[in-house]
C-alpha atoms as a PDB file:
ATOM      1  CA  UNK A   1      -0.170  -0.007  -0.074  1.00  0.00           C
ATOM      2  CA  UNK A   2       2.626   2.040   0.919  1.00  0.00           C
ATOM      3  CA  UNK A   3       4.240   1.734  -2.331  1.00  0.00           C
ATOM      4  CA  UNK A   4       1.453   2.570  -4.310  1.00  0.00           C
ATOM      5  CA  UNK A   5       0.819   5.613  -2.380  1.00  0.00           C
ATOM      6  CA  UNK A   6       4.130   6.631  -3.273  1.00  0.00           C
ATOM      7  CA  UNK A   7       3.814   5.541  -6.802  1.00  0.00           C
ATOM      8  CA  UNK A   8       0.992   7.863  -6.678  1.00  0.00           C
ATOM      9  CA  UNK A   9       2.180  10.879  -5.770  1.00  0.00           C
ATOM     10  CA  UNK A  10       4.902  10.825  -7.746  1.00  0.00           C
ATOM     11  CA  UNK A  11       2.528  10.571 -11.003  1.00  0.00           C
ATOM     12  CA  UNK A  12       0.383  13.904  -9.267  1.00  0.00           C
ATOM     13  CA  UNK A  13       3.643  15.401  -9.356  1.00  0.00           C
ATOM     14  CA  UNK A  14       4.910  15.095 -12.481  1.00  0.00           C
ATOM     15  CA  UNK A  15       0.906  15.742 -13.912  1.00  0.00           C
ATOM     16  CA  UNK A  16       1.513  19.244 -12.274  1.00  0.00           C
ATOM     17  CA  UNK A  17       4.563  19.587 -14.710  1.00  0.00           C
ATOM     18  CA  UNK A  18       3.021  18.287 -17.544  1.00  0.00           C
ATOM     19  CA  UNK A  19       1.740  21.637 -18.962  1.00  0.00           C
ATOM     20  CA  UNK A  20       4.502  23.938 -19.593  1.00  0.00           C
ATOM     21  CA  UNK A  21       3.360  26.984 -17.591  1.00  0.00           C
ATOM     22  CA  UNK A  22       6.231  29.290 -19.158  1.00  0.00           C
ATOM     23  CA  UNK A  23       3.777  31.205 -21.442  1.00  0.00           C
ATOM     24  CA  UNK A  24       1.006  31.307 -20.001  1.00  0.00           C
ATOM     25  CA  UNK A  25      -0.473  34.686 -19.140  1.00  0.00           C
ATOM     26  CA  UNK A  26      -0.250  36.845 -15.901  1.00  0.00           C
ATOM     27  CA  UNK A  27      -3.952  36.225 -14.859  1.00  0.00           C
ATOM     28  CA  UNK A  28      -4.098  32.785 -15.595  1.00  0.00           C
ATOM     29  CA  UNK A  29      -0.806  32.238 -13.955  1.00  0.00           C
ATOM     30  CA  UNK A  30      -2.261  33.771 -10.676  1.00  0.00           C
ATOM     31  CA  UNK A  31      -5.238  31.605 -10.986  1.00  0.00           C
ATOM     32  CA  UNK A  32      -2.718  28.434 -10.923  1.00  0.00           C
ATOM     33  CA  UNK A  33      -0.490  29.976  -8.051  1.00  0.00           C
ATOM     34  CA  UNK A  34      -3.403  30.036  -6.300  1.00  0.00           C
ATOM     35  CA  UNK A  35      -4.889  27.144  -7.093  1.00  0.00           C
ATOM     36  CA  UNK A  36      -1.787  25.541  -5.834  1.00  0.00           C
ATOM     37  CA  UNK A  37      -1.755  27.208  -2.963  1.00  0.00           C
ATOM     38  CA  UNK A  38      -5.085  26.904  -1.771  1.00  0.00           C
ATOM     39  CA  UNK A  39      -4.145  23.127  -2.239  1.00  0.00           C
ATOM     40  CA  UNK A  40      -1.280  23.239  -0.113  1.00  0.00           C
ATOM     41  CA  UNK A  41      -3.019  25.257   2.436  1.00  0.00           C
ATOM     42  CA  UNK A  42      -5.532  22.089   2.738  1.00  0.00           C
ATOM     43  CA  UNK A  43      -3.560  19.239   4.604  1.00  0.00           C
ATOM     44  CA  UNK A  44      -0.193  19.647   2.740  1.00  0.00           C
ATOM     45  CA  UNK A  45      -2.079  18.897  -0.659  1.00  0.00           C
ATOM     46  CA  UNK A  46       0.311  18.123  -3.455  1.00  0.00           C
ATOM     47  CA  UNK A  47      -1.617  19.980  -6.854  1.00  0.00           C
ATOM     48  CA  UNK A  48      -2.038  19.027 -10.173  1.00  0.00           C
ATOM     49  CA  UNK A  49      -2.270  20.796 -13.146  1.00  0.00           C
ATOM     50  CA  UNK A  50      -3.953  17.964 -15.740  1.00  0.00           C
ATOM     51  CA  UNK A  51      -3.366  17.921 -19.511  1.00  0.00           C
ATOM     52  CA  UNK A  52      -5.818  19.996 -21.211  1.00  0.00           C
ATOM     53  CA  UNK A  53      -6.583  22.411 -18.464  1.00  0.00           C
ATOM     54  CA  UNK A  54      -5.019  25.096 -20.659  1.00  0.00           C
ATOM     55  CA  UNK A  55      -6.714  25.623 -24.424  1.00  0.00           C
ATOM     56  CA  UNK A  56      -5.731  27.873 -26.563  1.00  0.00           C
ATOM     57  CA  UNK A  57      -8.593  28.786 -28.928  1.00  0.00           C
ATOM     58  CA  UNK A  58      -9.959  31.517 -30.699  1.00  0.00           C
ATOM     59  CA  UNK A  59     -12.981  33.028 -28.929  1.00  0.00           C
ATOM     60  CA  UNK A  60     -13.883  36.227 -30.827  1.00  0.00           C
ATOM     61  CA  UNK A  61     -13.636  35.686 -34.422  1.00  0.00           C
ATOM     62  CA  UNK A  62     -10.284  37.139 -34.813  1.00  0.00           C
ATOM     63  CA  UNK A  63      -8.548  34.199 -36.178  1.00  0.00           C
ATOM     64  CA  UNK A  64      -6.270  34.116 -33.454  1.00  0.00           C
ATOM     65  CA  UNK A  65      -5.873  32.070 -30.643  1.00  0.00           C
ATOM     66  CA  UNK A  66      -7.073  33.217 -27.280  1.00  0.00           C
ATOM     67  CA  UNK A  67      -6.538  31.516 -23.756  1.00  0.00           C
ATOM     68  CA  UNK A  68      -8.986  29.610 -21.632  1.00  0.00           C
ATOM     69  CA  UNK A  69      -7.975  27.751 -18.224  1.00  0.00           C
ATOM     70  CA  UNK A  70     -10.701  25.010 -16.968  1.00  0.00           C
ATOM     71  CA  UNK A  71     -10.282  24.976 -13.360  1.00  0.00           C
ATOM     72  CA  UNK A  72     -12.056  21.280 -14.056  1.00  0.00           C
ATOM     73  CA  UNK A  73      -7.978  20.538 -14.539  1.00  0.00           C
ATOM     74  CA  UNK A  74      -7.306  21.531 -11.436  1.00  0.00           C
ATOM     75  CA  UNK A  75      -6.251  18.500  -8.698  1.00  0.00           C
ATOM     76  CA  UNK A  76      -5.667  18.615  -5.516  1.00  0.00           C
ATOM     77  CA  UNK A  77      -4.210  15.009  -3.549  1.00  0.00           C
ATOM     78  CA  UNK A  78      -6.395  16.524  -0.432  1.00  0.00           C
ATOM     79  CA  UNK A  79      -9.392  17.057  -1.376  1.00  0.00           C
ATOM     80  CA  UNK A  80     -11.563  15.661  -4.255  1.00  0.00           C
ATOM     81  CA  UNK A  81     -13.874  18.350  -4.659  1.00  0.00           C
ATOM     82  CA  UNK A  82     -11.405  21.846  -4.022  1.00  0.00           C
ATOM     83  CA  UNK A  83     -12.282  23.464  -7.094  1.00  0.00           C
ATOM     84  CA  UNK A  84     -15.768  22.489  -8.330  1.00  0.00           C
ATOM     85  CA  UNK A  85     -18.825  21.693  -7.056  1.00  0.00           C
ATOM     86  CA  UNK A  86     -22.635  20.322  -7.908  1.00  0.00           C
ATOM     87  CA  UNK A  87     -22.659  23.274 -10.316  1.00  0.00           C
ATOM     88  CA  UNK A  88     -19.541  22.428 -12.121  1.00  0.00           C
ATOM     89  CA  UNK A  89     -15.790  24.032 -12.240  1.00  0.00           C
ATOM     90  CA  UNK A  90     -14.958  28.048 -12.985  1.00  0.00           C
ATOM     91  CA  UNK A  91     -13.140  28.156 -16.735  1.00  0.00           C
ATOM     92  CA  UNK A  92     -11.126  31.200 -16.872  1.00  0.00           C
ATOM     93  CA  UNK A  93     -11.332  33.076 -20.727  1.00  0.00           C
ATOM     94  CA  UNK A  94      -8.881  35.487 -21.824  1.00  0.00           C
ATOM     95  CA  UNK A  95      -9.027  37.691 -24.834  1.00  0.00           C
ATOM     96  CA  UNK A  96      -6.200  40.338 -25.278  1.00  0.00           C
ATOM     97  CA  UNK A  97      -5.886  41.460 -21.190  1.00  0.00           C
ATOM     98  CA  UNK A  98      -9.024  40.851 -20.955  1.00  0.00           C
ATOM     99  CA  UNK A  99     -10.659  37.966 -18.377  1.00  0.00           C
ATOM    100  CA  UNK A 100     -14.063  36.604 -17.679  1.00  0.00           C
ATOM    101  CA  UNK A 101     -15.072  33.710 -15.511  1.00  0.00           C
ATOM    102  CA  UNK A 102     -17.571  31.013 -15.799  1.00  0.00           C
ATOM    103  CA  UNK A 103     -19.171  28.308 -13.605  1.00  0.00           C
ATOM    104  CA  UNK A 104     -19.984  26.039 -16.208  1.00  0.00           C
ATOM    105  CA  UNK A 105     -20.338  21.877 -16.265  1.00  0.00           C
ATOM    106  CA  UNK A 106     -18.520  22.251 -20.478  1.00  0.00           C
ATOM    107  CA  UNK A 107     -18.007  24.640 -22.814  1.00  0.00           C
ATOM    108  CA  UNK A 108     -17.897  24.258 -26.485  1.00  0.00           C
ATOM    109  CA  UNK A 109     -17.508  26.854 -29.550  1.00  0.00           C
ATOM    110  CA  UNK A 110     -19.368  27.480 -32.273  1.00  0.00           C
ATOM    111  CA  UNK A 111     -19.902  29.267 -35.937  1.00  0.00           C
ATOM    112  CA  UNK A 112     -23.136  30.880 -35.938  1.00  0.00           C
ATOM    113  CA  UNK A 113     -23.241  33.598 -38.983  1.00  0.00           C
ATOM    114  CA  UNK A 114     -20.954  35.929 -38.609  1.00  0.00           C
ATOM    115  CA  UNK A 115     -20.202  35.149 -34.918  1.00  0.00           C
ATOM    116  CA  UNK A 116     -17.817  32.552 -32.799  1.00  0.00           C
ATOM    117  CA  UNK A 117     -20.565  31.836 -30.055  1.00  0.00           C
ATOM    118  CA  UNK A 118     -19.434  30.319 -26.908  1.00  0.00           C
ATOM    119  CA  UNK A 119     -21.901  27.521 -25.660  1.00  0.00           C
ATOM    120  CA  UNK A 120     -21.775  26.746 -21.925  1.00  0.00           C
ATOM    121  CA  UNK A 121     -23.571  24.441 -19.937  1.00  0.00           C
ATOM    122  CA  UNK A 122     -24.621  25.521 -17.135  1.00  0.00           C
ATOM    123  CA  UNK A 123     -26.382  25.259 -13.108  1.00  0.00           C
ATOM    124  CA  UNK A 124     -29.935  24.315 -14.117  1.00  0.00           C
ATOM    125  CA  UNK A 125     -31.134  27.152 -11.679  1.00  0.00           C
ATOM    126  CA  UNK A 126     -29.768  29.826 -13.884  1.00  0.00           C
ATOM    127  CA  UNK A 127     -32.708  28.638 -16.000  1.00  0.00           C
ATOM    128  CA  UNK A 128     -35.266  28.346 -12.849  1.00  0.00           C
ATOM    129  CA  UNK A 129     -34.842  25.082 -12.035  1.00  0.00           C
ATOM    130  CA  UNK A 130     -32.084  22.990 -10.152  1.00  0.00           C
ATOM    131  CA  UNK A 131     -29.211  21.324 -10.686  1.00  0.00           C
ATOM    132  CA  UNK A 132     -30.151  18.904 -13.171  1.00  0.00           C
ATOM    133  CA  UNK A 133     -32.323  20.825 -15.260  1.00  0.00           C
ATOM    134  CA  UNK A 134     -30.592  21.295 -18.493  1.00  0.00           C
ATOM    135  CA  UNK A 135     -29.850  24.652 -19.149  1.00  0.00           C
ATOM    136  CA  UNK A 136     -27.189  26.390 -21.440  1.00  0.00           C
ATOM    137  CA  UNK A 137     -25.454  29.619 -22.339  1.00  0.00           C
ATOM    138  CA  UNK A 138     -24.602  31.131 -25.396  1.00  0.00           C
ATOM    139  CA  UNK A 139     -22.356  33.929 -25.453  1.00  0.00           C
ATOM    140  CA  UNK A 140     -20.715  35.989 -28.198  1.00  0.00           C
ATOM    141  CA  UNK A 141     -17.508  38.529 -28.098  1.00  0.00           C
ATOM    142  CA  UNK A 142     -18.454  42.527 -28.447  1.00  0.00           C
ATOM    143  CA  UNK A 143     -15.160  43.492 -29.243  1.00  0.00           C
ATOM    144  CA  UNK A 144     -16.142  47.262 -29.394  1.00  0.00           C
ATOM    145  CA  UNK A 145     -16.643  47.222 -25.532  1.00  0.00           C
ATOM    146  CA  UNK A 146     -14.800  44.379 -24.827  1.00  0.00           C
ATOM    147  CA  UNK A 147     -17.664  42.623 -23.142  1.00  0.00           C
ATOM    148  CA  UNK A 148     -19.458  38.819 -23.569  1.00  0.00           C
ATOM    149  CA  UNK A 149     -22.836  39.642 -24.802  1.00  0.00           C
ATOM    150  CA  UNK A 150     -25.835  37.178 -23.166  1.00  0.00           C
ATOM    151  CA  UNK A 151     -29.596  37.314 -23.426  1.00  0.00           C
ATOM    152  CA  UNK A 152     -32.499  35.281 -21.901  1.00  0.00           C
ATOM    153  CA  UNK A 153     -34.518  33.964 -25.447  1.00  0.00           C
ATOM    154  CA  UNK A 154     -38.608  35.077 -24.935  1.00  0.00           C
ATOM    155  CA  UNK A 155     -40.317  31.711 -26.238  1.00  0.00           C
ATOM    156  CA  UNK A 156     -43.853  31.727 -27.338  1.00  0.00           C
END
């Protein structure tokens, strides 16, 4: 059992360094450092940044890859649910120097007409329900105002 724990700790430590953080923008690096500190503060846990936590994707339709940091890819050896809960995990979306964060249970990008659209599976309470209530938000980047735009549809 002790050998298994040692191997598991080595794997977790290795995965913390599996993603190269050297080019990560400061705003996102600060999120990773805060997560590492929170893990360390909780019973001296070991933090891991899993592969797939960092994404490069065009969020705003300018054909340039922006940054996304998904806390779903954060792991702490001493706390299974330190970063995520029943509402999902926070994703941090960085366009130029603007960072916006969204609690979600998964996200993807789509092209609809001239727009790049961020589709996110969010907590059912945002649709007047409870957690398992299906609820999706669609947002487009307004490059003039430098904000995400979303609306609740008015169905007839």
